[in-house]
Amino acid sequence: MEKVRVLVVDDSALVRKLLSAMLDSDPGIEVVGVAADPLIARDKIKQLNPDVLTLDVEMPRMDGLTFLENLMRLRPMPVVMVSSLTERGAEVTLRALEIGAVDFFTKPSSDLANCFAESAQEICAKVKMAARTRPRPYTQVQKIDVPPRLSADAVLPRSQSPGTRGSTRIIAVGASTGGTEAIRVLLEAMPPDAPPIVITQHIPAAFSGPFATRMNNCSAMRVCEARDGQPIQPGHAYIAPGGEHLLVMWDGAKHVCRLHDGPQVNRHKPSVDVLFRSTAASIGAAAIGVLLTGMGDDGARGLLEMRENGAPTLVQDEASSVVWGMPGAAWKLGAADEKLPLEDIAARLLVLAQQPIAGARRAAS
């Protein structure tokens, strides 16, 4: 296979050096150039014709958002944003994803060398995945110690006697790469009295709060970052905080959000599999499961558990996904009843929410 040709754009000489060395260490990637600001990058894109751009969000002479907007309007190409772990960095990065950036990774304010070394596998995977996307208009390999991949068992054992509780549908949604925009499309189409929605999006801790605020501003539903013990109510959407697993639990009278500071599951925290497993156990057939665009397979097995417990399940189709990893894995596993374009999912969820809940009367008796 041909190497993915990358142009690194960052105003920090140190970041350019470290990021370039880390990317070049992957045999599937070649850094063809670097640029200290967007104006230099503009010329190098014409000269080098890279496959992927890594772009810092804050740079001199022209900020990253303005440059990205012009790039996506005039010459759409895969872009992976390099963000700081700050509230400002979160806001800019979420805006960049709206404009058309494929994905992002974060850099700390110190100890860059260790950060890039520890995150090398993830960053290289994001860059290579970005090269396979179709953006919309507007090495001697360094050995990386990878933590063990844990299943949802590490947080919540699978229930041996799941049941259907409650008379109200609850929609559980999982997403990763491309998911911030997919979730926006979904929530914008929901009416203010829609069934409650619980959401796990792979996102850093500093980003989940600003993301929930952005979604609240664009949706007729009330959207918030989930809090431990928070009752789950119609017309509300609850987004998992970055760095904590979101579970749905039955407290004897109602369903509530529970946050769990357990280990990473499928190398993610929050994990979609954890959300789906808790939903399968505590809601059963009254739930509806949705798996949107994302890299990897987190959520596929959890969605299958939901389906096996009687819940209707959907996945986003390949054509409308930025990355058809998670939904594709679920579809191949037989975890989904239906495969739909993103723009059709909200309407289908509302139809499913009106259908009788199988087993609800028996479980309530």
Protein backbone atom coordinates (compact mmCIF):
# COMPACT_ATOMS: atom_id res chain seq x y z
CA MET A 1 0.00 0.00 0.00
CA GLU A 2 1.12 3.54 -0.67
CA LYS A 3 2.08 5.62 2.32
CA VAL A 4 -0.25 8.33 3.57
CA ARG A 5 1.41 11.66 2.75
CA VAL A 6 1.03 14.16 5.59
CA LEU A 7 1.66 17.89 5.90
CA VAL A 8 2.15 19.04 9.52
CA VAL A 9 0.97 22.60 10.21
CA ASP A 10 1.86 24.05 13.63
CA ASP A 11 3.43 27.31 14.81
CA SER A 12 5.58 25.48 17.39
CA ALA A 13 8.91 24.25 16.01
CA LEU A 14 9.05 21.64 18.78
CA VAL A 15 5.59 20.28 17.97
CA ARG A 16 6.45 20.14 14.27
CA LYS A 17 9.63 18.19 15.05
CA LEU A 18 8.08 15.74 17.54
CA LEU A 19 4.88 15.16 15.59
CA SER A 20 6.77 14.66 12.32
CA ALA A 21 9.16 12.15 13.91
CA MET A 22 6.30 10.24 15.51
CA LEU A 23 4.28 10.06 12.28
CA ASP A 24 7.35 9.09 10.23
CA SER A 25 7.97 6.18 12.62
CA ASP A 26 4.85 4.50 11.22
CA PRO A 27 5.66 2.56 8.02
CA GLY A 28 2.31 3.57 6.54
CA ILE A 29 2.87 7.33 6.88
CA GLU A 30 5.25 9.81 5.25
CA VAL A 31 5.53 13.43 6.42
CA VAL A 32 6.10 15.29 3.16
CA GLY A 33 6.42 18.74 4.69
CA VAL A 34 5.84 21.09 7.59
CA ALA A 35 4.49 24.63 7.80
CA ALA A 36 4.63 27.21 10.58
CA ASP A 37 1.42 29.00 9.61
CA PRO A 38 -1.55 28.69 7.24
CA LEU A 39 -0.10 30.94 4.56
CA ILE A 40 2.97 28.74 4.23
CA ALA A 41 0.70 25.70 4.39
CA ARG A 42 -1.42 27.02 1.53
CA ASP A 43 1.63 27.10 -0.78
CA LYS A 44 2.90 23.71 0.37
CA ILE A 45 -0.48 22.06 -0.24
CA LYS A 46 -0.23 23.18 -3.88
CA GLN A 47 3.39 22.00 -4.17
CA LEU A 48 3.20 18.71 -2.27
CA ASN A 49 -0.42 17.57 -2.71
CA PRO A 50 -0.59 15.78 0.69
CA ASP A 51 -3.25 13.22 1.53
CA VAL A 52 -3.84 14.52 5.07
CA LEU A 53 -3.21 17.77 6.95
CA THR A 54 -2.60 17.98 10.70
CA LEU A 55 -3.61 21.49 11.70
CA ASP A 56 -3.05 23.41 14.92
CA VAL A 57 -6.12 25.37 16.02
CA GLU A 58 -4.34 28.57 17.04
CA MET A 59 -1.63 30.04 14.79
CA PRO A 60 -0.26 33.44 13.70
CA ARG A 61 -1.17 35.39 10.55
CA MET A 62 -4.37 33.38 10.05
CA ASP A 63 -6.19 31.34 12.67
CA GLY A 64 -6.80 27.67 12.06
CA LEU A 65 -10.58 27.99 11.69
CA THR A 66 -10.39 30.66 9.00
CA PHE A 67 -7.83 28.60 7.10
CA LEU A 68 -9.90 25.43 7.47
CA GLU A 69 -13.02 27.21 6.25
CA ASN A 70 -11.21 28.43 3.13
CA LEU A 71 -9.63 25.03 2.56
CA MET A 72 -12.91 23.13 2.80
CA ARG A 73 -14.57 25.60 0.49
CA LEU A 74 -11.85 25.68 -2.19
CA ARG A 75 -9.98 22.37 -1.87
CA PRO A 76 -11.64 19.88 0.52
CA MET A 77 -9.14 17.42 1.98
CA PRO A 78 -8.85 15.27 5.12
CA VAL A 79 -7.78 17.37 8.12
CA VAL A 80 -6.96 16.17 11.65
CA MET A 81 -6.96 19.00 14.19
CA VAL A 82 -4.33 19.36 16.91
CA SER A 83 -6.07 20.82 19.95
CA SER A 84 -5.06 22.04 23.39
CA LEU A 85 -6.82 20.61 26.45
CA THR A 86 -8.50 23.88 27.35
CA GLU A 87 -12.04 25.24 27.14
CA ARG A 88 -10.93 27.50 24.29
CA GLY A 89 -9.30 24.52 22.55
CA ALA A 90 -12.50 22.52 22.93
CA GLU A 91 -14.69 25.25 21.44
CA VAL A 92 -12.39 25.76 18.46
CA THR A 93 -12.02 22.04 17.81
CA LEU A 94 -15.76 21.39 17.92
CA ARG A 95 -16.23 24.23 15.46
CA ALA A 96 -13.53 22.70 13.23
CA LEU A 97 -15.42 19.40 13.19
CA GLU A 98 -18.52 21.30 12.10
CA ILE A 99 -16.56 22.90 9.26
CA GLY A 100 -15.30 19.56 8.02
CA ALA A 101 -12.26 18.33 9.96
CA VAL A 102 -12.31 14.53 10.16
CA ASP A 103 -10.97 14.11 13.70
CA PHE A 104 -8.70 15.63 16.34
CA PHE A 105 -6.13 14.76 18.95
CA THR A 106 -5.02 16.77 21.94
CA LYS A 107 -1.61 17.96 23.09
CA PRO A 108 -0.74 18.98 26.66
CA SER A 109 0.99 22.22 27.62
CA SER A 110 4.08 20.33 28.83
CA ASP A 111 5.97 17.04 28.39
CA LEU A 112 5.14 16.88 24.69
CA ALA A 113 7.68 14.18 23.91
CA ASN A 114 6.15 11.65 26.34
CA CYS A 115 2.62 12.61 25.30
CA PHE A 116 3.28 11.97 21.62
CA ALA A 117 5.13 8.72 22.42
CA GLU A 118 2.24 7.43 24.55
CA SER A 119 -0.38 8.47 21.98
CA ALA A 120 1.54 7.44 18.85
CA GLN A 121 -0.62 4.46 17.95
CA GLU A 122 -3.86 6.40 18.34
CA ILE A 123 -2.63 9.46 16.42
CA CYS A 124 -1.21 7.41 13.55
CA ALA A 125 -4.46 5.43 13.32
CA LYS A 126 -6.46 8.65 13.12
CA VAL A 127 -4.23 10.04 10.37
CA LYS A 128 -4.45 6.84 8.31
CA MET A 129 -8.19 6.62 8.81
CA ALA A 130 -8.57 10.28 7.76
CA ALA A 131 -6.82 9.49 4.47
CA ARG A 132 -9.64 7.06 3.61
CA THR A 133 -12.44 9.56 4.16
CA ARG A 134 -14.14 11.79 1.61
CA PRO A 135 -14.34 15.29 3.13
CA ARG A 136 -17.39 17.32 2.31
CA PRO A 137 -16.96 20.76 0.66
CA TYR A 138 -17.76 24.48 2.66
CA THR A 139 9.50 3.43 9.99
CA GLN A 140 11.48 1.23 11.99
CA VAL A 141 8.33 1.22 13.95
CA GLN A 142 8.70 2.42 17.51
CA LYS A 143 7.27 -0.21 19.80
CA ILE A 144 4.36 1.13 21.78
CA ASP A 145 3.19 -0.44 25.01
CA VAL A 146 -0.54 -0.83 24.51
CA PRO A 147 -2.74 -1.32 27.57
CA PRO A 148 -4.86 -4.48 27.62
CA ARG A 149 -8.16 -4.19 25.83
CA LEU A 150 -10.90 -4.71 28.41
CA SER A 151 -14.52 -5.58 27.73
CA ALA A 152 -17.57 -4.10 29.46
CA ASP A 153 -17.14 -6.85 32.06
CA ALA A 154 -14.48 -4.64 33.66
CA VAL A 155 -17.16 -2.10 34.61
CA LEU A 156 -20.48 -3.98 34.68
CA PRO A 157 -21.01 -7.77 34.65
CA ARG A 158 -23.57 -8.95 32.13
CA SER A 159 -26.96 -9.39 33.76
CA GLN A 160 -28.23 -12.95 33.94
CA SER A 161 -31.85 -11.85 34.29
CA PRO A 162 -32.44 -8.63 32.34
CA GLY A 163 -35.98 -7.33 32.30
CA THR A 164 -38.09 -4.61 30.77
CA ARG A 165 -38.61 -1.78 33.24
CA GLY A 166 -40.63 1.37 32.75
CA SER A 167 -43.24 2.31 30.21
CA THR A 168 -41.20 4.98 28.40
CA ARG A 169 -38.73 4.33 25.63
CA ILE A 170 -35.13 5.44 26.26
CA ILE A 171 -32.78 5.88 23.29
CA ALA A 172 -29.11 4.98 23.77
CA VAL A 173 -26.65 6.44 21.24
CA GLY A 174 -22.96 5.68 20.71
CA ALA A 175 -20.47 7.43 18.41
CA SER A 176 -16.80 8.22 17.88
CA THR A 177 -14.97 9.70 14.85
CA GLY A 178 -17.39 12.03 13.07
CA GLY A 179 -19.87 11.60 15.89
CA THR A 180 -20.03 15.18 17.13
CA GLU A 181 -21.58 16.24 13.83
CA ALA A 182 -23.73 13.10 13.52
CA ILE A 183 -25.14 13.70 17.01
CA ARG A 184 -25.88 17.31 16.09
CA VAL A 185 -27.86 16.17 13.02
CA LEU A 186 -29.77 13.68 15.15
CA LEU A 187 -30.60 16.09 17.99
CA GLU A 188 -31.58 18.93 15.67
CA ALA A 189 -34.29 16.69 14.19
CA MET A 190 -35.77 15.73 17.58
CA PRO A 191 -38.89 17.52 18.94
CA PRO A 192 -38.89 19.00 22.48
CA ASP A 193 -40.99 16.10 23.82
CA ALA A 194 -38.83 13.35 22.30
CA PRO A 195 -38.03 10.23 24.34
CA PRO A 196 -35.01 10.66 26.61
CA ILE A 197 -31.65 10.07 24.94
CA VAL A 198 -28.42 8.92 26.62
CA ILE A 199 -25.26 9.46 24.58
CA THR A 200 -21.69 8.21 24.74
CA GLN A 201 -19.33 10.00 22.38
CA HIS A 202 -15.61 9.30 22.59
CA ILE A 203 -14.34 12.69 23.74
CA PRO A 204 -11.77 14.12 26.20
CA ALA A 205 -12.91 15.36 29.60
CA ALA A 206 -12.29 19.02 28.74
CA PHE A 207 -14.47 18.73 25.63
CA SER A 208 -17.65 17.03 26.82
CA GLY A 209 -19.05 20.05 28.69
CA PRO A 210 -18.61 22.49 25.78
CA PHE A 211 -19.96 19.82 23.42
CA ALA A 212 -23.12 19.39 25.53
CA THR A 213 -23.58 23.18 25.59
CA ARG A 214 -23.29 23.36 21.79
CA MET A 215 -25.84 20.58 21.39
CA ASN A 216 -28.23 22.28 23.81
CA ASN A 217 -28.05 25.45 21.72
CA CYS A 218 -28.99 23.63 18.50
CA SER A 219 -31.65 21.21 19.76
CA ALA A 220 -35.25 21.64 20.89
CA MET A 221 -34.47 19.06 23.59
CA ARG A 222 -32.66 19.99 26.79
CA VAL A 223 -29.13 18.67 26.39
CA CYS A 224 -26.66 18.45 29.28
CA GLU A 225 -23.53 16.67 30.46
CA ALA A 226 -24.81 13.76 32.55
CA ARG A 227 -24.50 13.92 36.34
CA ASP A 228 -24.42 10.96 38.70
CA GLY A 229 -27.91 10.13 39.99
CA GLN A 230 -29.65 12.46 37.52
CA PRO A 231 -33.20 11.25 36.67
CA ILE A 232 -33.70 10.41 32.99
CA GLN A 233 -36.69 12.37 31.68
CA PRO A 234 -38.48 12.78 28.33
CA GLY A 235 -37.35 15.79 26.32
CA HIS A 236 -33.83 15.55 27.73
CA ALA A 237 -30.54 14.25 26.29
CA TYR A 238 -27.63 13.27 28.53
CA ILE A 239 -24.04 13.22 27.23
CA ALA A 240 -21.40 11.11 28.99
CA PRO A 241 -18.65 13.21 30.60
CA GLY A 242 -15.22 12.62 29.10
CA GLY A 243 -13.19 10.36 31.36
CA GLU A 244 -16.20 8.63 32.98
CA HIS A 245 -18.43 5.79 31.85
CA LEU A 246 -22.16 6.58 31.59
CA LEU A 247 -24.56 3.85 32.73
CA VAL A 248 -28.35 3.74 32.87
CA MET A 249 -29.61 2.19 36.12
CA TRP A 250 -33.01 1.46 37.69
CA ASP A 251 -33.23 2.86 41.23
CA GLY A 252 -36.53 1.17 42.13
CA ALA A 253 -38.81 3.94 40.88
CA LYS A 254 -37.15 5.49 37.83
CA HIS A 255 -34.17 5.30 35.54
CA VAL A 256 -31.16 7.45 36.45
CA CYS A 257 -27.72 8.26 35.05
CA ARG A 258 -24.82 6.66 36.86
CA LEU A 259 -21.20 7.67 36.31
CA HIS A 260 -18.47 5.08 36.79
CA ASP A 261 -14.76 5.81 37.16
CA GLY A 262 -13.69 2.32 36.09
CA PRO A 263 -10.96 1.28 33.65
CA GLN A 264 -11.02 1.97 29.94
CA VAL A 265 -13.18 -0.44 27.97
CA ASN A 266 -12.16 -1.11 24.37
CA ARG A 267 -9.48 1.50 25.22
CA HIS A 268 -12.18 4.14 25.69
CA LYS A 269 -13.61 6.00 28.65
CA PRO A 270 -16.47 6.63 28.26
CA SER A 271 -17.22 3.41 26.40
CA VAL A 272 -20.27 2.75 24.25
CA ASP A 273 -20.26 -0.93 25.21
CA VAL A 274 -20.65 0.04 28.87
CA LEU A 275 -23.61 2.31 28.11
CA PHE A 276 -25.29 -0.31 25.90
CA ARG A 277 -24.74 -3.12 28.41
CA SER A 278 -26.27 -1.11 31.24
CA THR A 279 -29.16 -0.18 28.97
CA ALA A 280 -29.75 -3.80 27.98
CA ALA A 281 -29.77 -4.85 31.64
CA SER A 282 -31.86 -2.05 33.14
CA ILE A 283 -34.26 -1.17 30.30
CA GLY A 284 -34.46 -4.30 28.16
CA ALA A 285 -37.00 -4.15 25.35
CA ALA A 286 -38.02 -0.59 26.28
CA ALA A 287 -34.70 0.70 24.98
CA ILE A 288 -33.69 1.64 21.44
CA GLY A 289 -30.02 1.36 20.45
CA VAL A 290 -28.25 3.49 17.85
CA LEU A 291 -24.61 3.21 16.77
CA LEU A 292 -23.30 6.10 14.69
CA THR A 293 -20.05 6.77 12.80
CA GLY A 294 -16.81 5.90 14.55
CA MET A 295 -13.43 4.19 14.32
CA GLY A 296 -12.98 0.76 15.91
CA ASP A 297 -15.69 -1.56 17.21
CA ASP A 298 -16.71 -0.14 20.60
CA GLY A 299 -20.47 -0.57 20.98
CA ALA A 300 -20.90 -3.47 18.56
CA ARG A 301 -21.15 -6.16 21.23
CA GLY A 302 -23.22 -3.94 23.50
CA LEU A 303 -25.68 -3.28 20.68
CA LEU A 304 -25.98 -7.03 20.16
CA GLU A 305 -26.83 -7.46 23.86
CA MET A 306 -29.55 -4.81 23.49
CA ARG A 307 -31.01 -6.61 20.48
CA GLU A 308 -30.89 -9.97 22.25
CA ASN A 309 -32.89 -8.40 25.10
CA GLY A 310 -35.65 -7.26 22.72
CA ALA A 311 -34.64 -3.67 21.96
CA PRO A 312 -34.89 -2.32 18.40
CA THR A 313 -31.38 -1.47 17.12
CA LEU A 314 -30.09 0.74 14.30
CA VAL A 315 -26.74 1.63 12.77
CA GLN A 316 -25.72 4.49 10.51
CA ASP A 317 -24.98 3.38 6.95
CA GLU A 318 -21.54 3.47 5.37
CA ALA A 319 -22.28 6.21 2.82
CA SER A 320 -23.22 8.79 5.46
CA SER A 321 -20.54 7.77 8.02
CA VAL A 322 -17.20 9.52 8.28
CA VAL A 323 -15.77 6.16 9.39
CA TRP A 324 -17.86 2.97 9.13
CA GLY A 325 -15.90 1.15 11.82
CA MET A 326 -18.22 0.90 14.82
CA PRO A 327 -21.52 0.69 12.90
CA GLY A 328 -19.93 -1.64 10.35
CA ALA A 329 -18.68 -3.97 13.08
CA ALA A 330 -22.15 -4.05 14.65
CA TRP A 331 -23.79 -4.76 11.30
CA LYS A 332 -21.40 -7.64 10.55
CA LEU A 333 -22.04 -9.03 14.04
CA GLY A 334 -25.78 -9.09 13.43
CA ALA A 335 -26.37 -6.54 16.18
CA ALA A 336 -28.61 -4.19 14.19
CA ASP A 337 -32.15 -4.57 12.87
CA GLU A 338 -31.72 -1.72 10.40
CA LYS A 339 -29.02 0.25 8.58
CA LEU A 340 -30.04 3.83 7.70
CA PRO A 341 -28.60 7.09 6.34
CA LEU A 342 -27.91 9.60 9.11
CA GLU A 343 -30.63 11.97 7.95
CA ASP A 344 -33.29 9.24 8.27
CA ILE A 345 -32.40 8.00 11.76
CA ALA A 346 -34.25 10.60 13.87
CA ALA A 347 -37.57 10.03 12.07
CA ARG A 348 -37.18 6.26 12.41
CA LEU A 349 -36.45 6.58 16.14
CA LEU A 350 -39.64 8.56 16.66
CA VAL A 351 -41.65 5.85 14.86
CA LEU A 352 -40.05 3.09 16.93
CA ALA A 353 -40.70 5.04 20.13
CA GLN A 354 -44.45 4.85 19.46
CA GLN A 355 -44.49 1.08 19.11
CA PRO A 356 -45.70 -1.09 22.02
CA ILE A 357 -42.94 -2.29 24.34
CA ALA A 358 -42.70 -6.08 24.30
CA GLY A 359 -42.79 -7.57 27.80
CA ALA A 360 -43.42 -4.29 29.61
CA ARG A 361 -46.62 -5.48 31.27
CA ARG A 362 -45.09 -8.78 32.33
CA ALA A 363 -42.00 -7.12 33.84
CA ALA A 364 -44.11 -4.57 35.71
CA SER A 365 -46.34 -7.24 37.27
